[in-house]
C-alpha atoms as a PDB file:
ATOM      1  CA  MET A   1      21.369   6.247  -1.670  1.00  0.00           C
ATOM      2  CA  ASN A   2      20.512   5.506   1.884  1.00  0.00           C
ATOM      3  CA  ILE A   3      16.942   5.102   3.171  1.00  0.00           C
ATOM      4  CA  GLN A   4      16.843   8.572   4.917  1.00  0.00           C
ATOM      5  CA  THR A   5      18.021  10.241   1.736  1.00  0.00           C
ATOM      6  CA  LEU A   6      15.498   8.409  -0.210  1.00  0.00           C
ATOM      7  CA  ASN A   7      12.402   9.193   2.185  1.00  0.00           C
ATOM      8  CA  LYS A   8      13.449  12.858   2.071  1.00  0.00           C
ATOM      9  CA  SER A   9      13.636  12.852  -1.800  1.00  0.00           C
ATOM     10  CA  ILE A  10      10.220  11.232  -1.785  1.00  0.00           C
ATOM     11  CA  GLU A  11       8.874  13.689   0.678  1.00  0.00           C
ATOM     12  CA  ASN A  12      10.238  16.723  -1.552  1.00  0.00           C
ATOM     13  CA  TYR A  13       8.711  15.162  -4.734  1.00  0.00           C
ATOM     14  CA  ILE A  14       5.370  15.023  -2.943  1.00  0.00           C
ATOM     15  CA  ILE A  15       5.507  18.490  -1.628  1.00  0.00           C
ATOM     16  CA  SER A  16       6.441  19.717  -5.136  1.00  0.00           C
ATOM     17  CA  LEU A  17       3.376  18.048  -6.573  1.00  0.00           C
ATOM     18  CA  SER A  18       1.017  20.097  -4.263  1.00  0.00           C
ATOM     19  CA  TYR A  19       1.918  23.192  -6.220  1.00  0.00           C
ATOM     20  CA  LYS A  20       0.753  21.686  -9.551  1.00  0.00           C
ATOM     21  CA  SER A  21      -2.747  22.025 -10.735  1.00  0.00           C
ATOM     22  CA  TYR A  22      -5.351  19.307  -9.605  1.00  0.00           C
ATOM     23  CA  ARG A  23      -5.376  17.525 -12.881  1.00  0.00           C
ATOM     24  CA  GLU A  24      -1.314  17.332 -12.841  1.00  0.00           C
ATOM     25  CA  TYR A  25      -1.535  16.038  -9.489  1.00  0.00           C
ATOM     26  CA  PHE A  26      -4.072  13.455  -9.969  1.00  0.00           C
ATOM     27  CA  ASP A  27      -2.586  12.280 -13.305  1.00  0.00           C
ATOM     28  CA  VAL A  28       0.789  11.605 -11.369  1.00  0.00           C
ATOM     29  CA  PHE A  29      -1.154   9.669  -8.673  1.00  0.00           C
ATOM     30  CA  ILE A  30      -2.782   7.420 -11.339  1.00  0.00           C
ATOM     31  CA  GLU A  31       0.520   6.937 -13.089  1.00  0.00           C
ATOM     32  CA  GLN A  32       2.384   5.879  -9.988  1.00  0.00           C
ATOM     33  CA  LEU A  33      -0.213   3.397  -9.071  1.00  0.00           C
ATOM     34  CA  SER A  34      -0.317   2.320 -12.694  1.00  0.00           C
ATOM     35  CA  LEU A  35      -4.231   2.549 -12.655  1.00  0.00           C
ATOM     36  CA  GLU A  36      -6.625   3.061 -15.579  1.00  0.00           C
ATOM     37  CA  TRP A  37      -9.393   5.678 -15.142  1.00  0.00           C
ATOM     38  CA  LYS A  38      -9.814   7.184 -18.599  1.00  0.00           C
ATOM     39  CA  ASP A  39     -13.495   8.538 -17.873  1.00  0.00           C
ATOM     40  CA  TYR A  40     -12.372  10.002 -14.521  1.00  0.00           C
ATOM     41  CA  TYR A  41     -12.539  13.725 -15.420  1.00  0.00           C
ATOM     42  CA  GLU A  42     -15.671  13.437 -17.506  1.00  0.00           C
ATOM     43  CA  ASP A  43     -17.561  11.486 -14.773  1.00  0.00           C
ATOM     44  CA  ILE A  44     -16.646  12.939 -11.266  1.00  0.00           C
ATOM     45  CA  GLY A  45     -13.042  14.545 -11.661  1.00  0.00           C
ATOM     46  CA  LYS A  46     -14.359  17.850 -12.933  1.00  0.00           C
ATOM     47  CA  TYR A  47     -16.682  18.175  -9.967  1.00  0.00           C
ATOM     48  CA  ILE A  48     -13.939  17.167  -7.519  1.00  0.00           C
ATOM     49  CA  GLN A  49     -11.623  19.841  -9.091  1.00  0.00           C
ATOM     50  CA  GLU A  50     -14.197  22.522  -8.432  1.00  0.00           C
ATOM     51  CA  ILE A  51     -14.805  21.321  -4.944  1.00  0.00           C
ATOM     52  CA  LYS A  52     -11.196  21.510  -4.278  1.00  0.00           C
ATOM     53  CA  ALA A  53     -10.904  25.003  -5.511  1.00  0.00           C
ATOM     54  CA  THR A  54     -13.978  25.896  -3.418  1.00  0.00           C
ATOM     55  CA  ARG A  55     -12.456  24.475  -0.268  1.00  0.00           C
ATOM     56  CA  ASN A  56      -9.290  26.679  -1.025  1.00  0.00           C
ATOM     57  CA  LEU A  57     -11.269  29.828  -1.664  1.00  0.00           C
ATOM     58  CA  LEU A  58     -13.266  29.208   1.755  1.00  0.00           C
ATOM     59  CA  LEU A  59      -9.966  28.722   3.722  1.00  0.00           C
ATOM     60  CA  HIS A  60      -7.949  31.454   2.067  1.00  0.00           C
ATOM     61  CA  ASN A  61     -10.249  34.143   0.738  1.00  0.00           C
ATOM     62  CA  ASN A  62     -13.542  34.091   2.539  1.00  0.00           C
ATOM     63  CA  LEU A  63     -15.186  32.719  -0.582  1.00  0.00           C
ATOM     64  CA  ILE A  64     -14.458  35.818  -2.452  1.00  0.00           C
ATOM     65  CA  VAL A  65     -13.778  34.650  -5.947  1.00  0.00           C
ATOM     66  CA  ASN A  66     -10.306  35.356  -7.163  1.00  0.00           C
ATOM     67  CA  GLU A  67      -8.036  34.495 -10.071  1.00  0.00           C
ATOM     68  CA  GLN A  68      -6.821  31.549  -8.446  1.00  0.00           C
ATOM     69  CA  TYR A  69     -10.209  30.018  -8.052  1.00  0.00           C
ATOM     70  CA  LEU A  70     -11.097  30.776 -11.726  1.00  0.00           C
ATOM     71  CA  GLU A  71      -7.792  29.124 -12.738  1.00  0.00           C
ATOM     72  CA  SER A  72      -8.034  26.000 -10.658  1.00  0.00           C
ATOM     73  CA  ALA A  73     -11.821  25.338 -10.737  1.00  0.00           C
ATOM     74  CA  GLY A  74     -11.975  23.977 -14.197  1.00  0.00           C
ATOM     75  CA  ILE A  75     -15.047  23.764 -16.349  1.00  0.00           C
ATOM     76  CA  GLU A  76     -17.368  23.229 -13.490  1.00  0.00           C
ATOM     77  CA  LYS A  77     -16.500  26.559 -11.815  1.00  0.00           C
ATOM     78  CA  ARG A  78     -19.517  28.154 -10.121  1.00  0.00           C
ATOM     79  CA  ALA A  79     -18.810  31.994 -10.622  1.00  0.00           C
ATOM     80  CA  LYS A  80     -17.137  33.806 -13.469  1.00  0.00           C
ATOM     81  CA  PRO A  81     -16.255  37.467 -12.356  1.00  0.00           C
ATOM     82  CA  GLU A  82     -13.598  38.169  -9.711  1.00  0.00           C
ATOM     83  CA  GLY A  83     -15.011  39.663  -6.504  1.00  0.00           C
ATOM     84  CA  ASP A  84     -18.319  37.653  -6.484  1.00  0.00           C
ATOM     85  CA  LYS A  85     -18.817  35.688  -3.195  1.00  0.00           C
ATOM     86  CA  LEU A  86     -19.256  32.050  -3.832  1.00  0.00           C
ATOM     87  CA  SER A  87     -22.249  30.274  -2.255  1.00  0.00           C
ATOM     88  CA  VAL A  88     -21.804  27.109  -0.201  1.00  0.00           C
ATOM     89  CA  GLN A  89     -25.278  25.950   0.755  1.00  0.00           C
ATOM     90  CA  TYR A  90     -26.671  22.817   2.047  1.00  0.00           C
ATOM     91  CA  ASP A  91     -27.331  21.180  -1.390  1.00  0.00           C
ATOM     92  CA  TYR A  92     -23.731  21.883  -2.420  1.00  0.00           C
ATOM     93  CA  VAL A  93     -22.370  20.483   0.651  1.00  0.00           C
ATOM     94  CA  LEU A  94     -24.466  17.305   0.481  1.00  0.00           C
ATOM     95  CA  PHE A  95     -23.588  16.938  -3.162  1.00  0.00           C
ATOM     96  CA  SER A  96     -19.835  17.382  -2.420  1.00  0.00           C
ATOM     97  CA  ILE A  97     -19.860  14.720   0.353  1.00  0.00           C
ATOM     98  CA  LYS A  98     -21.819  12.171  -1.778  1.00  0.00           C
ATOM     99  CA  LEU A  99     -19.312  12.748  -4.614  1.00  0.00           C
ATOM    100  CA  ILE A 100     -16.259  12.260  -2.430  1.00  0.00           C
ATOM    101  CA  ILE A 101     -17.568   9.213  -0.839  1.00  0.00           C
ATOM    102  CA  LYS A 102     -18.183   8.005  -4.368  1.00  0.00           C
ATOM    103  CA  PHE A 103     -14.729   8.679  -5.474  1.00  0.00           C
ATOM    104  CA  GLU A 104     -13.217   7.032  -2.328  1.00  0.00           C
ATOM    105  CA  LYS A 105     -15.215   3.696  -3.182  1.00  0.00           C
ATOM    106  CA  LEU A 106     -14.386   3.792  -6.892  1.00  0.00           C
ATOM    107  CA  LEU A 107     -10.550   4.461  -6.212  1.00  0.00           C
ATOM    108  CA  LYS A 108     -10.567   1.721  -3.562  1.00  0.00           C
ATOM    109  CA  ASN A 109     -11.958  -0.730  -5.861  1.00  0.00           C
ATOM    110  CA  LYS A 110      -9.668   0.155  -8.578  1.00  0.00           C
ATOM    111  CA  ILE A 111      -6.524  -0.340  -6.406  1.00  0.00           C
ATOM    112  CA  SER A 112      -7.947  -3.534  -4.790  1.00  0.00           C
ATOM    113  CA  GLU A 113      -8.629  -4.945  -8.144  1.00  0.00           C
ATOM    114  CA  LYS A 114      -5.199  -3.942  -9.383  1.00  0.00           C
ATOM    115  CA  TYR A 115      -3.231  -5.239  -6.321  1.00  0.00           C
ATOM    116  CA  LYS A 116      -5.381  -7.985  -5.177  1.00  0.00           C
ATOM    117  CA  GLU A 117      -2.494 -10.428  -5.263  1.00  0.00           C
ATOM    118  CA  TYR A 118      -0.529  -8.051  -3.055  1.00  0.00           C
ATOM    119  CA  THR A 119      -1.372  -9.430   0.272  1.00  0.00           C
ATOM    120  CA  LYS A 120       0.383 -10.240   3.441  1.00  0.00           C
ATOM    121  CA  ILE A 121      -0.462 -13.950   3.104  1.00  0.00           C
ATOM    122  CA  ASN A 122       0.744 -13.939  -0.711  1.00  0.00           C
ATOM    123  CA  ALA A 123       3.943 -12.294   0.506  1.00  0.00           C
ATOM    124  CA  ASN A 124       4.616 -14.936   3.212  1.00  0.00           C
ATOM    125  CA  LYS A 125       3.813 -17.699   0.731  1.00  0.00           C
ATOM    126  CA  ARG A 126       6.253 -16.276  -1.837  1.00  0.00           C
ATOM    127  CA  LEU A 127       8.958 -16.121   0.770  1.00  0.00           C
ATOM    128  CA  TRP A 128       8.093 -19.640   1.867  1.00  0.00           C
ATOM    129  CA  GLU A 129       8.385 -20.972  -1.555  1.00  0.00           C
ATOM    130  CA  PHE A 130      11.925 -19.115  -1.899  1.00  0.00           C
ATOM    131  CA  LEU A 131      13.126 -20.860   1.110  1.00  0.00           C
ATOM    132  CA  PHE A 132      11.680 -24.210   0.985  1.00  0.00           C
ATOM    133  CA  LYS A 133      11.688 -26.263  -2.112  1.00  0.00           C
ATOM    134  CA  SER A 134      10.678 -29.572  -0.662  1.00  0.00           C
ATOM    135  CA  PRO A 135       7.434 -31.164  -1.624  1.00  0.00           C
ATOM    136  CA  VAL A 136       6.875 -32.196   2.008  1.00  0.00           C
ATOM    137  CA  MET A 137       6.827 -28.396   3.182  1.00  0.00           C
ATOM    138  CA  PRO A 138       3.658 -26.934   1.656  1.00  0.00           C
ATOM    139  CA  PHE A 139       2.740 -23.517   3.284  1.00  0.00           C
ATOM    140  CA  ASP A 140      -0.651 -24.821   4.243  1.00  0.00           C
ATOM    141  CA  ASP A 141       0.858 -27.581   6.258  1.00  0.00           C
ATOM    142  CA  TYR A 142       2.632 -25.177   8.535  1.00  0.00           C
ATOM    143  CA  TRP A 143       0.345 -22.213   8.771  1.00  0.00           C
ATOM    144  CA  GLU A 144      -3.017 -21.197   9.861  1.00  0.00           C
ATOM    145  CA  TYR A 145      -4.353 -18.000   8.174  1.00  0.00           C
ATOM    146  CA  ASP A 146      -7.486 -16.040   7.357  1.00  0.00           C
ATOM    147  CA  GLU A 147      -7.722 -14.637   3.929  1.00  0.00           C
ATOM    148  CA  LYS A 148     -10.624 -12.316   4.501  1.00  0.00           C
ATOM    149  CA  SER A 149      -8.475 -10.461   7.187  1.00  0.00           C
ATOM    150  CA  ASP A 150      -5.221 -11.000   5.449  1.00  0.00           C
ATOM    151  CA  HIS A 151      -3.698 -12.380   8.609  1.00  0.00           C
ATOM    152  CA  ILE A 152      -1.481 -15.236   9.613  1.00  0.00           C
ATOM    153  CA  ILE A 153      -3.187 -16.726  12.564  1.00  0.00           C
ATOM    154  CA  ALA A 154      -0.520 -19.211  13.913  1.00  0.00           C
ATOM    155  CA  PHE A 155       1.917 -21.868  12.987  1.00  0.00           C
ATOM    156  CA  LYS A 156       1.317 -25.569  13.250  1.00  0.00           C
ATOM    157  CA  LYS A 157       3.331 -28.760  13.145  1.00  0.00           C
ATOM    158  CA  GLY A 158       3.770 -29.994   9.582  1.00  0.00           C
ATOM    159  CA  LYS A 159       2.717 -33.343   8.667  1.00  0.00           C
ATOM    160  CA  HIS A 160       6.394 -34.343   7.649  1.00  0.00           C
ATOM    161  CA  GLU A 161       8.177 -32.046   9.978  1.00  0.00           C
ATOM    162  CA  GLY A 162      10.226 -34.866  11.768  1.00  0.00           C
ATOM    163  CA  ALA A 163      11.649 -35.972   8.376  1.00  0.00           C
ATOM    164  CA  LEU A 164      13.193 -32.517   7.342  1.00  0.00           C
ATOM    165  CA  SER A 165      16.793 -32.091   6.598  1.00  0.00           C
ATOM    166  CA  GLY A 166      18.871 -30.188   9.080  1.00  0.00           C
ATOM    167  CA  SER A 167      19.031 -26.995   7.034  1.00  0.00           C
ATOM    168  CA  GLU A 168      15.239 -27.065   6.424  1.00  0.00           C
ATOM    169  CA  THR A 169      14.577 -27.511  10.165  1.00  0.00           C
ATOM    170  CA  ALA A 170      16.964 -24.692  11.011  1.00  0.00           C
ATOM    171  CA  LEU A 171      15.179 -22.467   8.424  1.00  0.00           C
ATOM    172  CA  LEU A 172      11.878 -23.257   9.763  1.00  0.00           C
ATOM    173  CA  GLY A 173      12.936 -22.497  13.320  1.00  0.00           C
ATOM    174  CA  LEU A 174      14.367 -19.274  12.131  1.00  0.00           C
ATOM    175  CA  TRP A 175      11.048 -18.269  10.643  1.00  0.00           C
ATOM    176  CA  ARG A 176       8.928 -19.403  13.603  1.00  0.00           C
ATOM    177  CA  THR A 177      11.299 -17.458  15.885  1.00  0.00           C
ATOM    178  CA  HIS A 178      10.498 -14.152  13.863  1.00  0.00           C
ATOM    179  CA  PHE A 179       6.918 -14.998  13.806  1.00  0.00           C
ATOM    180  CA  ALA A 180       6.257 -15.725  17.455  1.00  0.00           C
ATOM    181  CA  GLY A 181       9.481 -15.602  19.466  1.00  0.00           C
ATOM    182  CA  SER A 182       9.484 -19.359  19.551  1.00  0.00           C
ATOM    183  CA  GLY A 183      11.108 -22.168  17.455  1.00  0.00           C
ATOM    184  CA  TYR A 184      14.089 -22.467  19.516  1.00  0.00           C
ATOM    185  CA  ASP A 185      14.279 -26.158  19.556  1.00  0.00           C
ATOM    186  CA  HIS A 186      14.916 -26.175  15.813  1.00  0.00           C
ATOM    187  CA  LEU A 187      17.715 -23.652  16.273  1.00  0.00           C
ATOM    188  CA  LYS A 188      19.868 -25.613  18.862  1.00  0.00           C
ATOM    189  CA  HIS A 189      22.466 -26.332  16.427  1.00  0.00           C
ATOM    190  CA  PHE A 190      21.998 -23.337  14.234  1.00  0.00           C
ATOM    191  CA  HIS A 191      25.210 -22.125  12.675  1.00  0.00           C
ATOM    192  CA  ILE A 192      25.720 -20.285   9.373  1.00  0.00           C
ATOM    193  CA  ARG A 193      28.619 -22.682   8.521  1.00  0.00           C
ATOM    194  CA  ARG A 194      26.300 -25.751   8.429  1.00  0.00           C
ATOM    195  CA  PHE A 195      24.585 -24.499   5.421  1.00  0.00           C
ATOM    196  CA  ASP A 196      25.706 -24.878   1.717  1.00  0.00           C
ATOM    197  CA  ASN A 197      26.067 -21.968  -0.553  1.00  0.00           C
ATOM    198  CA  VAL A 198      22.448 -21.858  -1.869  1.00  0.00           C
ATOM    199  CA  ASN A 199      20.925 -22.108   1.665  1.00  0.00           C
ATOM    200  CA  ARG A 200      23.426 -19.723   3.206  1.00  0.00           C
ATOM    201  CA  GLU A 201      22.251 -17.203   0.499  1.00  0.00           C
ATOM    202  CA  LYS A 202      18.713 -17.823   1.598  1.00  0.00           C
ATOM    203  CA  VAL A 203      19.522 -17.312   5.333  1.00  0.00           C
ATOM    204  CA  LEU A 204      21.337 -13.943   4.602  1.00  0.00           C
ATOM    205  CA  PHE A 205      18.332 -12.803   2.513  1.00  0.00           C
ATOM    206  CA  PHE A 206      15.903 -13.788   5.082  1.00  0.00           C
ATOM    207  CA  LEU A 207      17.608 -11.956   7.960  1.00  0.00           C
ATOM    208  CA  SER A 208      18.266  -8.872   5.668  1.00  0.00           C
ATOM    209  CA  ILE A 209      14.474  -8.419   5.313  1.00  0.00           C
ATOM    210  CA  ALA A 210      13.156  -9.692   8.622  1.00  0.00           C
ATOM    211  CA  HIS A 211      13.192  -6.584  10.322  1.00  0.00           C
ATOM    212  CA  LYS A 212      10.672  -5.064   8.093  1.00  0.00           C
ATOM    213  CA  PHE A 213       8.783  -8.027   6.673  1.00  0.00           C
ATOM    214  CA  ASN A 214       5.241  -8.732   8.108  1.00  0.00           C
ATOM    215  CA  PHE A 215       5.111 -12.252   9.289  1.00  0.00           C
ATOM    216  CA  GLU A 216       1.583 -11.799  10.580  1.00  0.00           C
END
């Protein structure tokens, strides 16, 4: 399956979810992200379910209660008989805004905690460790970075850079070129045949992901 077909399949899958109930949609969302949120519906989910149903009723039926609202609003539905007009007053709007902000913060914290190791800096470090096994090539000797902003700032000359092997020097130049468009001095004698089998595979893997890898 090529990337275009995969993207189309993902898009179709997400669109199909929009026709499911709020709970089904949210359960799939939590499952896909591998999050734990057992008290979600009892805490705030039941209210957000009703807010979503009210939003749909406002947009599509001028707040006149219909069967769709009664079925989708859940246990916190604010009207029972069809034909009633739902009230959307200041207090309800303020409550809804505060609840959605609370939901956003809680969700962000859960995602951040679950995937706190999945940063650009850590991705760069792991790729670096894959390419360079030498004890004289620690990542911190060659890069300036800011963990708070998750940003690689600049490269720097390593303490033992002058003692690197030919293949290490070429790989370093290849990385720097993709980071900043420089590093050409290390690539003067670059040729794939100069690498042994192990390093040749590293070069080919690096080049296969370089177009989409975030080096910054």
